[in-house]
Amino acid sequence: MESAASVQSKGAVVREKSQLMSASEIDRTVVRLAHEILERNNGVAGLVLVGIRRRGVPLAERLARKMTEIEKTAPPVETLDITLYRDDLSSVDQKPIVQPPLRFSVEGKTVILVDDVLYTGRTTRAALDALLDHGRPRRVELSVLIDRGHRELPIQANYVGRVLQTKDNETIEVRLREVDNQDRVVLCERVQNDSG
């Protein structure tokens, strides 16, 4: 993984500015989130963790492992791909279909949607649309590792690992070993590329 000037797009370069969380800080945060979810829901009975693909899935799996250590039983973990539910797709006249279907029923369950970063709220909105195509949960809550502000929709997380205010030209990258072969959260900034 490149660190200084990593991605170049549309005349801008994305550069890593600073590390916000280390592997041990991510682990401690996941432990705290697991405790908060269990406390608010009186254990794992009736819970389903649904990770939003990509990095929400390993976070949901980590939460389930921590809950198993605490409660000696784990809630089911699902994967939700919301690609076709996003409102920034060019063709919106076609009814989207989630693939694959969920393995567990969400009917009457308390669903904890899990994602890495909460930003505009549009990913969460798409996840809610996708989830409701699979039944009617009793309640839906949202757990995120990072809330970086800049909401465009009235969506808030119930469980937040860390709140980090960012500027418009900054992004937060959550890197997880299951996807990126490393555990860290970094602040990056987009700067104009003067070459070319």
N, C-alpha and C. Protein backbone atom coordinates (compact mmCIF):
# COMPACT_ATOMS: atom_id res chain seq x y z
N MET A 1 0.85 -1.18 0.00
CA MET A 1 0.00 0.00 0.00
C MET A 1 0.88 1.23 0.00
N GLU A 2 0.63 2.15 -0.91
CA GLU A 2 1.45 3.36 -0.98
C GLU A 2 1.01 4.31 0.12
N SER A 3 1.97 5.13 0.59
CA SER A 3 1.61 5.99 1.71
C SER A 3 1.60 7.47 1.37
N ALA A 4 2.58 7.99 0.68
CA ALA A 4 2.65 9.44 0.48
C ALA A 4 1.67 9.92 -0.57
N ALA A 5 1.98 9.67 -1.83
CA ALA A 5 1.05 10.07 -2.90
C ALA A 5 0.51 8.80 -3.51
N SER A 6 -0.70 8.41 -3.12
CA SER A 6 -1.15 7.08 -3.51
C SER A 6 -2.03 7.07 -4.73
N VAL A 7 -3.13 7.79 -4.74
CA VAL A 7 -4.09 7.67 -5.82
C VAL A 7 -4.15 8.98 -6.58
N GLN A 8 -4.19 8.86 -7.92
CA GLN A 8 -4.28 10.04 -8.76
C GLN A 8 -5.58 9.96 -9.54
N SER A 9 -6.44 10.99 -9.42
CA SER A 9 -7.69 10.97 -10.16
C SER A 9 -8.18 12.38 -10.43
N LYS A 10 -8.65 12.60 -11.67
CA LYS A 10 -9.26 13.87 -12.07
C LYS A 10 -8.42 15.07 -11.66
N GLY A 11 -7.12 15.01 -11.92
CA GLY A 11 -6.24 16.14 -11.63
C GLY A 11 -5.87 16.30 -10.18
N ALA A 12 -6.26 15.36 -9.32
CA ALA A 12 -5.94 15.45 -7.90
C ALA A 12 -5.16 14.22 -7.45
N VAL A 13 -4.33 14.42 -6.45
CA VAL A 13 -3.57 13.34 -5.85
C VAL A 13 -4.07 13.18 -4.42
N VAL A 14 -4.30 11.94 -4.01
CA VAL A 14 -4.71 11.67 -2.63
C VAL A 14 -3.48 11.26 -1.86
N ARG A 15 -3.19 12.02 -0.81
CA ARG A 15 -1.99 11.77 0.00
C ARG A 15 -2.38 11.42 1.43
N GLU A 16 -1.65 10.48 1.99
CA GLU A 16 -1.85 10.15 3.40
C GLU A 16 -1.30 11.28 4.24
N LYS A 17 -2.14 11.79 5.13
CA LYS A 17 -1.76 12.92 5.97
C LYS A 17 -1.28 12.47 7.35
N SER A 18 -2.07 11.58 8.00
CA SER A 18 -1.69 11.10 9.32
C SER A 18 -2.45 9.83 9.67
N GLN A 19 -1.90 9.09 10.61
CA GLN A 19 -2.60 7.89 11.11
C GLN A 19 -3.49 8.32 12.27
N LEU A 20 -4.74 7.90 12.22
CA LEU A 20 -5.71 8.27 13.26
C LEU A 20 -5.92 7.16 14.28
N MET A 21 -5.82 5.91 13.82
CA MET A 21 -5.99 4.78 14.73
C MET A 21 -5.02 3.66 14.33
N SER A 22 -4.44 3.04 15.34
CA SER A 22 -3.56 1.89 15.13
C SER A 22 -4.40 0.61 15.23
N ALA A 23 -3.76 -0.53 14.99
CA ALA A 23 -4.45 -1.82 15.08
C ALA A 23 -5.01 -2.04 16.49
N SER A 24 -4.23 -1.72 17.51
CA SER A 24 -4.71 -1.93 18.89
C SER A 24 -5.85 -0.98 19.23
N GLU A 25 -5.83 0.23 18.70
CA GLU A 25 -6.93 1.18 18.94
C GLU A 25 -8.21 0.71 18.25
N ILE A 26 -8.08 0.16 17.05
CA ILE A 26 -9.25 -0.40 16.36
C ILE A 26 -9.82 -1.55 17.18
N ASP A 27 -8.96 -2.43 17.67
CA ASP A 27 -9.42 -3.58 18.45
C ASP A 27 -10.14 -3.14 19.73
N ARG A 28 -9.56 -2.18 20.45
CA ARG A 28 -10.21 -1.69 21.67
C ARG A 28 -11.56 -1.05 21.36
N THR A 29 -11.65 -0.36 20.24
CA THR A 29 -12.90 0.29 19.84
C THR A 29 -13.96 -0.75 19.52
N VAL A 30 -13.58 -1.82 18.83
CA VAL A 30 -14.53 -2.89 18.51
C VAL A 30 -15.03 -3.55 19.80
N VAL A 31 -14.14 -3.76 20.77
CA VAL A 31 -14.55 -4.32 22.07
C VAL A 31 -15.58 -3.42 22.74
N ARG A 32 -15.33 -2.10 22.75
CA ARG A 32 -16.26 -1.16 23.36
C ARG A 32 -17.61 -1.17 22.65
N LEU A 33 -17.58 -1.16 21.30
CA LEU A 33 -18.83 -1.18 20.53
C LEU A 33 -19.63 -2.46 20.82
N ALA A 34 -18.93 -3.60 20.92
CA ALA A 34 -19.61 -4.86 21.22
C ALA A 34 -20.31 -4.78 22.57
N HIS A 35 -19.62 -4.23 23.58
CA HIS A 35 -20.22 -4.08 24.90
C HIS A 35 -21.43 -3.16 24.86
N GLU A 36 -21.33 -2.05 24.13
CA GLU A 36 -22.44 -1.10 24.03
C GLU A 36 -23.67 -1.74 23.38
N ILE A 37 -23.43 -2.49 22.30
CA ILE A 37 -24.55 -3.14 21.60
C ILE A 37 -25.21 -4.17 22.51
N LEU A 38 -24.40 -4.98 23.20
CA LEU A 38 -24.95 -5.99 24.09
C LEU A 38 -25.72 -5.37 25.26
N GLU A 39 -25.17 -4.30 25.82
CA GLU A 39 -25.83 -3.65 26.95
C GLU A 39 -27.18 -3.06 26.54
N ARG A 40 -27.22 -2.36 25.41
CA ARG A 40 -28.46 -1.71 24.98
C ARG A 40 -29.52 -2.73 24.56
N ASN A 41 -29.08 -3.92 24.12
CA ASN A 41 -30.02 -4.92 23.62
C ASN A 41 -30.18 -6.12 24.56
N ASN A 42 -29.64 -6.02 25.76
CA ASN A 42 -29.75 -7.09 26.77
C ASN A 42 -29.26 -8.44 26.24
N GLY A 43 -28.11 -8.45 25.59
CA GLY A 43 -27.52 -9.69 25.08
C GLY A 43 -27.73 -9.84 23.59
N VAL A 44 -27.51 -11.06 23.09
CA VAL A 44 -27.55 -11.31 21.64
C VAL A 44 -28.87 -11.88 21.14
N ALA A 45 -29.79 -12.20 22.04
CA ALA A 45 -31.07 -12.79 21.61
C ALA A 45 -31.81 -11.83 20.69
N GLY A 46 -32.17 -12.33 19.51
CA GLY A 46 -32.91 -11.53 18.55
C GLY A 46 -32.09 -10.56 17.72
N LEU A 47 -30.75 -10.59 17.91
CA LEU A 47 -29.86 -9.69 17.15
C LEU A 47 -29.39 -10.35 15.87
N VAL A 48 -29.23 -9.55 14.82
CA VAL A 48 -28.55 -9.96 13.59
C VAL A 48 -27.60 -8.83 13.21
N LEU A 49 -26.32 -9.14 13.02
CA LEU A 49 -25.36 -8.15 12.56
C LEU A 49 -25.30 -8.22 11.03
N VAL A 50 -25.44 -7.08 10.38
CA VAL A 50 -25.41 -7.03 8.92
C VAL A 50 -24.32 -6.07 8.49
N GLY A 51 -23.24 -6.62 7.95
CA GLY A 51 -22.12 -5.82 7.49
C GLY A 51 -22.36 -5.30 6.08
N ILE A 52 -22.15 -4.00 5.90
CA ILE A 52 -22.28 -3.40 4.57
C ILE A 52 -20.97 -3.64 3.84
N ARG A 53 -21.08 -4.31 2.69
CA ARG A 53 -19.91 -4.69 1.91
C ARG A 53 -19.15 -3.45 1.48
N ARG A 54 -17.90 -3.30 1.67
CA ARG A 54 -16.82 -4.21 1.89
C ARG A 54 -16.36 -4.23 3.34
N ARG A 55 -15.92 -3.13 3.87
CA ARG A 55 -15.28 -3.19 5.18
C ARG A 55 -16.24 -3.31 6.36
N GLY A 56 -17.52 -3.12 6.12
CA GLY A 56 -18.48 -3.36 7.19
C GLY A 56 -18.61 -4.83 7.53
N VAL A 57 -18.30 -5.69 6.56
CA VAL A 57 -18.42 -7.14 6.78
C VAL A 57 -17.39 -7.63 7.79
N PRO A 58 -16.07 -7.37 7.60
CA PRO A 58 -15.12 -7.83 8.62
C PRO A 58 -15.35 -7.16 9.98
N LEU A 59 -15.84 -5.92 9.99
CA LEU A 59 -16.14 -5.28 11.28
C LEU A 59 -17.29 -6.00 11.97
N ALA A 60 -18.32 -6.40 11.22
CA ALA A 60 -19.44 -7.15 11.81
C ALA A 60 -18.95 -8.50 12.34
N GLU A 61 -18.07 -9.16 11.60
CA GLU A 61 -17.52 -10.45 12.04
C GLU A 61 -16.69 -10.28 13.31
N ARG A 62 -15.92 -9.19 13.39
CA ARG A 62 -15.13 -8.93 14.60
C ARG A 62 -16.05 -8.65 15.80
N LEU A 63 -17.11 -7.87 15.57
CA LEU A 63 -18.07 -7.61 16.65
C LEU A 63 -18.68 -8.93 17.15
N ALA A 64 -19.04 -9.81 16.22
CA ALA A 64 -19.64 -11.10 16.60
C ALA A 64 -18.65 -11.93 17.43
N ARG A 65 -17.37 -11.91 17.07
CA ARG A 65 -16.36 -12.66 17.84
C ARG A 65 -16.23 -12.10 19.25
N LYS A 66 -16.24 -10.78 19.37
CA LYS A 66 -16.14 -10.15 20.70
C LYS A 66 -17.37 -10.48 21.53
N MET A 67 -18.54 -10.48 20.89
CA MET A 67 -19.77 -10.82 21.60
C MET A 67 -19.75 -12.26 22.08
N THR A 68 -19.15 -13.14 21.29
CA THR A 68 -19.02 -14.54 21.68
C THR A 68 -18.14 -14.67 22.92
N GLU A 69 -17.06 -13.89 22.97
CA GLU A 69 -16.18 -13.91 24.15
C GLU A 69 -16.93 -13.44 25.39
N ILE A 70 -17.81 -12.47 25.23
CA ILE A 70 -18.53 -11.89 26.36
C ILE A 70 -19.73 -12.75 26.77
N GLU A 71 -20.56 -13.14 25.78
CA GLU A 71 -21.84 -13.80 26.04
C GLU A 71 -21.80 -15.32 25.82
N LYS A 72 -20.71 -15.83 25.28
CA LYS A 72 -20.57 -17.26 24.97
C LYS A 72 -21.51 -17.72 23.86
N THR A 73 -22.09 -16.78 23.16
CA THR A 73 -22.91 -17.08 21.98
C THR A 73 -22.84 -15.88 21.05
N ALA A 74 -22.98 -16.14 19.76
CA ALA A 74 -22.83 -15.06 18.79
C ALA A 74 -24.10 -14.86 17.99
N PRO A 75 -24.38 -13.62 17.60
CA PRO A 75 -25.51 -13.38 16.70
C PRO A 75 -25.12 -13.78 15.28
N PRO A 76 -26.10 -14.06 14.41
CA PRO A 76 -25.78 -14.32 13.01
C PRO A 76 -25.17 -13.06 12.38
N VAL A 77 -24.29 -13.29 11.40
CA VAL A 77 -23.66 -12.18 10.66
C VAL A 77 -24.02 -12.33 9.19
N GLU A 78 -24.56 -11.27 8.61
CA GLU A 78 -24.94 -11.24 7.20
C GLU A 78 -24.08 -10.23 6.45
N THR A 79 -24.04 -10.40 5.13
CA THR A 79 -23.38 -9.45 4.24
C THR A 79 -24.43 -8.79 3.38
N LEU A 80 -24.35 -7.47 3.27
CA LEU A 80 -25.30 -6.72 2.45
C LEU A 80 -24.54 -5.93 1.40
N ASP A 81 -24.80 -6.25 0.13
CA ASP A 81 -24.20 -5.51 -0.98
C ASP A 81 -25.23 -4.50 -1.47
N ILE A 82 -24.90 -3.21 -1.31
CA ILE A 82 -25.89 -2.17 -1.62
C ILE A 82 -25.59 -1.47 -2.94
N THR A 83 -24.70 -2.03 -3.73
CA THR A 83 -24.26 -1.36 -4.95
C THR A 83 -25.43 -0.90 -5.81
N LEU A 84 -26.39 -1.77 -6.07
CA LEU A 84 -27.49 -1.43 -6.96
C LEU A 84 -28.54 -0.54 -6.32
N TYR A 85 -28.40 -0.26 -5.02
CA TYR A 85 -29.34 0.61 -4.33
C TYR A 85 -28.81 2.03 -4.18
N ARG A 86 -27.60 2.27 -4.62
CA ARG A 86 -27.02 3.61 -4.46
C ARG A 86 -27.75 4.61 -5.35
N ASP A 87 -27.90 5.82 -4.86
CA ASP A 87 -28.61 6.84 -5.63
C ASP A 87 -27.71 7.58 -6.60
N ASP A 88 -26.44 7.18 -6.67
CA ASP A 88 -25.55 7.83 -7.63
C ASP A 88 -25.30 6.96 -8.87
N LEU A 89 -26.12 5.91 -9.05
CA LEU A 89 -26.04 5.12 -10.28
C LEU A 89 -26.73 5.87 -11.41
N SER A 90 -26.26 5.68 -12.64
CA SER A 90 -26.83 6.41 -13.77
C SER A 90 -28.20 5.87 -14.18
N SER A 91 -28.42 4.56 -14.05
CA SER A 91 -29.72 4.00 -14.44
C SER A 91 -30.53 3.67 -13.20
N VAL A 92 -31.51 4.51 -12.89
CA VAL A 92 -32.31 4.31 -11.68
C VAL A 92 -33.72 3.82 -11.99
N ASP A 93 -34.04 3.63 -13.30
CA ASP A 93 -35.38 3.21 -13.65
C ASP A 93 -35.59 1.71 -13.48
N GLN A 94 -34.52 0.96 -13.23
CA GLN A 94 -34.61 -0.49 -13.08
C GLN A 94 -34.64 -0.84 -11.60
N LYS A 95 -35.56 -1.71 -11.18
CA LYS A 95 -35.65 -2.12 -9.78
C LYS A 95 -34.43 -2.95 -9.41
N PRO A 96 -33.62 -2.49 -8.44
CA PRO A 96 -32.41 -3.22 -8.08
C PRO A 96 -32.71 -4.50 -7.30
N ILE A 97 -31.83 -5.45 -7.40
CA ILE A 97 -31.95 -6.73 -6.70
C ILE A 97 -30.66 -6.96 -5.92
N VAL A 98 -30.77 -7.30 -4.65
CA VAL A 98 -29.60 -7.60 -3.83
C VAL A 98 -29.16 -9.02 -4.11
N GLN A 99 -27.89 -9.22 -4.36
CA GLN A 99 -27.33 -10.55 -4.57
C GLN A 99 -26.18 -10.75 -3.60
N PRO A 100 -26.04 -11.86 -2.94
CA PRO A 100 -27.02 -12.94 -2.82
C PRO A 100 -28.06 -12.59 -1.76
N PRO A 101 -29.15 -13.38 -1.69
CA PRO A 101 -30.15 -13.11 -0.65
C PRO A 101 -29.58 -13.39 0.74
N LEU A 102 -30.16 -12.76 1.75
CA LEU A 102 -29.70 -12.98 3.12
C LEU A 102 -29.98 -14.42 3.54
N ARG A 103 -29.08 -15.00 4.32
CA ARG A 103 -29.23 -16.38 4.78
C ARG A 103 -30.18 -16.49 5.97
N PHE A 104 -30.32 -15.39 6.74
CA PHE A 104 -31.17 -15.41 7.93
C PHE A 104 -32.29 -14.40 7.75
N SER A 105 -33.44 -14.73 8.28
CA SER A 105 -34.57 -13.82 8.22
C SER A 105 -34.33 -12.64 9.15
N VAL A 106 -34.67 -11.44 8.68
CA VAL A 106 -34.57 -10.26 9.53
C VAL A 106 -35.94 -9.90 10.11
N GLU A 107 -36.96 -10.67 9.75
CA GLU A 107 -38.33 -10.41 10.20
C GLU A 107 -38.40 -10.45 11.72
N GLY A 108 -38.81 -9.33 12.33
CA GLY A 108 -38.96 -9.27 13.78
C GLY A 108 -37.67 -9.20 14.56
N LYS A 109 -36.52 -9.12 13.90
CA LYS A 109 -35.22 -9.10 14.57
C LYS A 109 -34.76 -7.66 14.81
N THR A 110 -33.80 -7.51 15.70
CA THR A 110 -33.09 -6.24 15.83
C THR A 110 -31.85 -6.36 14.96
N VAL A 111 -31.78 -5.54 13.93
CA VAL A 111 -30.67 -5.58 12.97
C VAL A 111 -29.69 -4.46 13.30
N ILE A 112 -28.44 -4.83 13.44
CA ILE A 112 -27.38 -3.84 13.61
C ILE A 112 -26.64 -3.75 12.27
N LEU A 113 -26.86 -2.66 11.54
CA LEU A 113 -26.08 -2.41 10.33
C LEU A 113 -24.69 -1.99 10.75
N VAL A 114 -23.66 -2.54 10.11
CA VAL A 114 -22.28 -2.23 10.48
C VAL A 114 -21.54 -1.70 9.26
N ASP A 115 -20.89 -0.55 9.43
CA ASP A 115 -20.09 0.04 8.35
C ASP A 115 -18.82 0.64 8.94
N ASP A 116 -17.87 0.93 8.05
CA ASP A 116 -16.61 1.48 8.54
C ASP A 116 -16.69 2.99 8.79
N VAL A 117 -17.18 3.75 7.81
CA VAL A 117 -17.22 5.21 7.93
C VAL A 117 -18.62 5.72 7.61
N LEU A 118 -19.15 6.57 8.47
CA LEU A 118 -20.40 7.27 8.19
C LEU A 118 -20.03 8.66 7.72
N TYR A 119 -20.51 9.01 6.51
CA TYR A 119 -20.15 10.29 5.89
C TYR A 119 -21.43 11.03 5.52
N THR A 120 -21.87 10.96 4.30
CA THR A 120 -23.06 11.69 3.86
C THR A 120 -24.36 11.06 4.35
N GLY A 121 -24.33 9.76 4.62
CA GLY A 121 -25.54 9.03 5.00
C GLY A 121 -26.16 8.28 3.84
N ARG A 122 -25.65 8.49 2.64
CA ARG A 122 -26.25 7.86 1.45
C ARG A 122 -26.03 6.34 1.41
N THR A 123 -24.89 5.87 1.89
CA THR A 123 -24.65 4.43 1.95
C THR A 123 -25.64 3.78 2.92
N THR A 124 -25.86 4.41 4.06
CA THR A 124 -26.80 3.88 5.05
C THR A 124 -28.21 3.86 4.49
N ARG A 125 -28.61 4.92 3.79
CA ARG A 125 -29.94 4.96 3.18
C ARG A 125 -30.11 3.81 2.19
N ALA A 126 -29.09 3.58 1.36
CA ALA A 126 -29.14 2.48 0.40
C ALA A 126 -29.23 1.14 1.13
N ALA A 127 -28.50 1.00 2.23
CA ALA A 127 -28.52 -0.25 3.00
C ALA A 127 -29.90 -0.48 3.60
N LEU A 128 -30.55 0.57 4.07
CA LEU A 128 -31.91 0.42 4.61
C LEU A 128 -32.88 -0.04 3.53
N ASP A 129 -32.78 0.56 2.34
CA ASP A 129 -33.63 0.14 1.22
C ASP A 129 -33.41 -1.34 0.90
N ALA A 130 -32.14 -1.75 0.82
CA ALA A 130 -31.82 -3.14 0.51
C ALA A 130 -32.32 -4.08 1.60
N LEU A 131 -32.11 -3.69 2.86
CA LEU A 131 -32.52 -4.52 3.98
C LEU A 131 -34.03 -4.74 4.02
N LEU A 132 -34.78 -3.67 3.78
CA LEU A 132 -36.24 -3.77 3.88
C LEU A 132 -36.84 -4.61 2.76
N ASP A 133 -36.08 -4.87 1.70
CA ASP A 133 -36.54 -5.80 0.67
C ASP A 133 -36.52 -7.25 1.17
N HIS A 134 -35.88 -7.48 2.34
CA HIS A 134 -35.76 -8.83 2.91
C HIS A 134 -36.68 -9.05 4.10
N GLY A 135 -37.58 -8.14 4.36
CA GLY A 135 -38.49 -8.32 5.48
C GLY A 135 -38.55 -7.08 6.33
N ARG A 136 -39.31 -7.19 7.42
CA ARG A 136 -39.50 -6.05 8.30
C ARG A 136 -38.87 -6.34 9.66
N PRO A 137 -37.69 -5.78 9.91
CA PRO A 137 -37.07 -5.97 11.22
C PRO A 137 -37.88 -5.27 12.31
N ARG A 138 -37.70 -5.71 13.53
CA ARG A 138 -38.33 -5.04 14.67
C ARG A 138 -37.73 -3.66 14.85
N ARG A 139 -36.38 -3.59 14.68
CA ARG A 139 -35.66 -2.34 14.84
C ARG A 139 -34.37 -2.44 14.04
N VAL A 140 -33.92 -1.31 13.51
CA VAL A 140 -32.63 -1.26 12.81
C VAL A 140 -31.77 -0.19 13.49
N GLU A 141 -30.56 -0.58 13.85
CA GLU A 141 -29.60 0.35 14.44
C GLU A 141 -28.34 0.35 13.58
N LEU A 142 -27.53 1.40 13.75
CA LEU A 142 -26.33 1.56 12.94
C LEU A 142 -25.11 1.66 13.84
N SER A 143 -24.09 0.86 13.52
CA SER A 143 -22.80 0.91 14.22
C SER A 143 -21.71 1.23 13.21
N VAL A 144 -20.91 2.25 13.50
CA VAL A 144 -19.81 2.62 12.61
C VAL A 144 -18.53 2.79 13.40
N LEU A 145 -17.42 2.49 12.75
CA LEU A 145 -16.13 2.70 13.40
C LEU A 145 -15.82 4.20 13.47
N ILE A 146 -16.09 4.92 12.38
CA ILE A 146 -15.78 6.35 12.30
C ILE A 146 -17.00 7.13 11.81
N ASP A 147 -17.30 8.24 12.48
CA ASP A 147 -18.29 9.21 11.99
C ASP A 147 -17.49 10.46 11.64
N ARG A 148 -17.46 10.80 10.34
CA ARG A 148 -16.64 11.93 9.91
C ARG A 148 -17.44 13.19 9.58
N GLY A 149 -18.75 13.17 9.90
CA GLY A 149 -19.55 14.37 9.68
C GLY A 149 -19.93 14.55 8.22
N HIS A 150 -20.34 15.76 7.86
CA HIS A 150 -20.73 16.15 6.49
C HIS A 150 -21.98 15.43 6.01
N ARG A 151 -22.97 15.22 6.90
CA ARG A 151 -24.17 14.49 6.53
C ARG A 151 -25.00 15.25 5.51
N GLU A 152 -25.54 14.52 4.54
CA GLU A 152 -26.46 15.07 3.55
C GLU A 152 -27.88 14.57 3.78
N LEU A 153 -28.03 13.54 4.61
CA LEU A 153 -29.33 12.97 4.95
C LEU A 153 -29.45 12.91 6.47
N PRO A 154 -30.67 12.91 7.01
CA PRO A 154 -30.84 12.90 8.47
C PRO A 154 -30.64 11.50 9.06
N ILE A 155 -29.39 11.04 9.03
CA ILE A 155 -29.04 9.70 9.51
C ILE A 155 -27.93 9.84 10.55
N GLN A 156 -28.12 9.17 11.68
CA GLN A 156 -27.12 9.17 12.74
C GLN A 156 -26.87 7.73 13.18
N ALA A 157 -25.65 7.46 13.63
CA ALA A 157 -25.32 6.13 14.14
C ALA A 157 -25.72 6.00 15.60
N ASN A 158 -26.15 4.79 15.98
CA ASN A 158 -26.46 4.48 17.38
C ASN A 158 -25.20 4.17 18.16
N TYR A 159 -24.20 3.60 17.47
CA TYR A 159 -22.95 3.20 18.10
C TYR A 159 -21.81 3.74 17.25
N VAL A 160 -20.95 4.57 17.85
CA VAL A 160 -19.87 5.22 17.10
C VAL A 160 -18.55 4.95 17.79
N GLY A 161 -17.59 4.43 17.02
CA GLY A 161 -16.27 4.21 17.57
C GLY A 161 -15.55 5.52 17.86
N ARG A 162 -15.52 6.40 16.87
CA ARG A 162 -14.84 7.68 17.04
C ARG A 162 -15.46 8.71 16.10
N VAL A 163 -15.64 9.92 16.61
CA VAL A 163 -16.10 11.04 15.78
C VAL A 163 -14.88 11.86 15.38
N LEU A 164 -14.70 12.03 14.08
CA LEU A 164 -13.56 12.78 13.56
C LEU A 164 -14.06 13.78 12.53
N GLN A 165 -13.98 15.05 12.84
CA GLN A 165 -14.40 16.09 11.89
C GLN A 165 -13.34 16.23 10.81
N THR A 166 -13.79 16.32 9.57
CA THR A 166 -12.88 16.41 8.44
C THR A 166 -13.24 17.61 7.58
N LYS A 167 -12.30 18.02 6.76
CA LYS A 167 -12.54 19.08 5.78
C LYS A 167 -13.03 18.44 4.49
N ASP A 168 -13.57 19.27 3.59
CA ASP A 168 -14.11 18.75 2.32
C ASP A 168 -13.05 18.06 1.47
N ASN A 169 -11.79 18.49 1.57
CA ASN A 169 -10.75 17.90 0.74
C ASN A 169 -10.06 16.71 1.42
N GLU A 170 -10.60 16.27 2.56
CA GLU A 170 -10.01 15.16 3.29
C GLU A 170 -10.91 13.93 3.21
N THR A 171 -10.30 12.76 3.30
CA THR A 171 -11.03 11.50 3.37
C THR A 171 -10.44 10.67 4.51
N ILE A 172 -11.23 9.76 5.00
CA ILE A 172 -10.74 8.82 6.01
C ILE A 172 -10.77 7.44 5.40
N GLU A 173 -9.65 6.76 5.45
CA GLU A 173 -9.54 5.40 4.94
C GLU A 173 -9.38 4.43 6.11
N VAL A 174 -10.34 3.51 6.23
CA VAL A 174 -10.23 2.43 7.20
C VAL A 174 -9.60 1.25 6.46
N ARG A 175 -8.48 0.79 6.94
CA ARG A 175 -7.80 -0.35 6.33
C ARG A 175 -7.84 -1.51 7.31
N LEU A 176 -8.40 -2.62 6.84
CA LEU A 176 -8.57 -3.80 7.68
C LEU A 176 -7.82 -4.97 7.09
N ARG A 177 -7.24 -5.79 7.95
CA ARG A 177 -6.37 -6.88 7.46
C ARG A 177 -7.11 -7.86 6.56
N GLU A 178 -8.42 -8.06 6.78
CA GLU A 178 -9.18 -8.98 5.95
C GLU A 178 -9.30 -8.49 4.50
N VAL A 179 -9.19 -7.20 4.29
CA VAL A 179 -9.32 -6.61 2.95
C VAL A 179 -8.01 -6.02 2.47
N ASP A 180 -7.30 -5.33 3.38
CA ASP A 180 -6.12 -4.53 3.01
C ASP A 180 -4.80 -5.07 3.55
N ASN A 181 -4.82 -6.19 4.26
CA ASN A 181 -3.62 -6.78 4.87
C ASN A 181 -2.97 -5.89 5.93
N GLN A 182 -3.73 -4.98 6.52
CA GLN A 182 -3.23 -4.15 7.61
C GLN A 182 -4.42 -3.57 8.35
N ASP A 183 -4.20 -3.23 9.62
CA ASP A 183 -5.24 -2.60 10.44
C ASP A 183 -4.78 -1.21 10.83
N ARG A 184 -5.42 -0.19 10.25
CA ARG A 184 -5.15 1.19 10.63
C ARG A 184 -6.19 2.09 10.00
N VAL A 185 -6.37 3.25 10.60
CA VAL A 185 -7.25 4.28 10.05
C VAL A 185 -6.38 5.48 9.75
N VAL A 186 -6.48 5.98 8.52
CA VAL A 186 -5.63 7.09 8.12
C VAL A 186 -6.46 8.24 7.58
N LEU A 187 -5.96 9.45 7.79
CA LEU A 187 -6.54 10.66 7.22
C LEU A 187 -5.77 10.98 5.96
N CYS A 188 -6.49 11.15 4.86
CA CYS A 188 -5.86 11.48 3.58
C CYS A 188 -6.42 12.81 3.10
N GLU A 189 -5.67 13.48 2.23
CA GLU A 189 -6.18 14.72 1.65
C GLU A 189 -5.97 14.70 0.15
N ARG A 190 -6.93 15.33 -0.55
CA ARG A 190 -6.82 15.49 -2.01
C ARG A 190 -6.17 16.82 -2.29
N VAL A 191 -5.09 16.78 -3.07
CA VAL A 191 -4.41 18.02 -3.44
C VAL A 191 -4.32 18.06 -4.96
N GLN A 192 -4.35 19.26 -5.51
CA GLN A 192 -4.28 19.41 -6.97
C GLN A 192 -2.94 18.92 -7.48
N ASN A 193 -3.01 18.16 -8.58
CA ASN A 193 -1.79 17.65 -9.22
C ASN A 193 -1.35 18.69 -10.24
N ASP A 194 -0.20 19.33 -9.99
CA ASP A 194 0.28 20.38 -10.88
C ASP A 194 0.98 19.83 -12.12
N SER A 195 1.36 18.57 -12.08
CA SER A 195 2.06 18.01 -13.25
C SER A 195 1.05 17.60 -14.32
N GLY A 196 1.42 17.80 -15.54
CA GLY A 196 0.63 17.30 -16.65
C GLY A 196 -0.31 18.25 -17.22
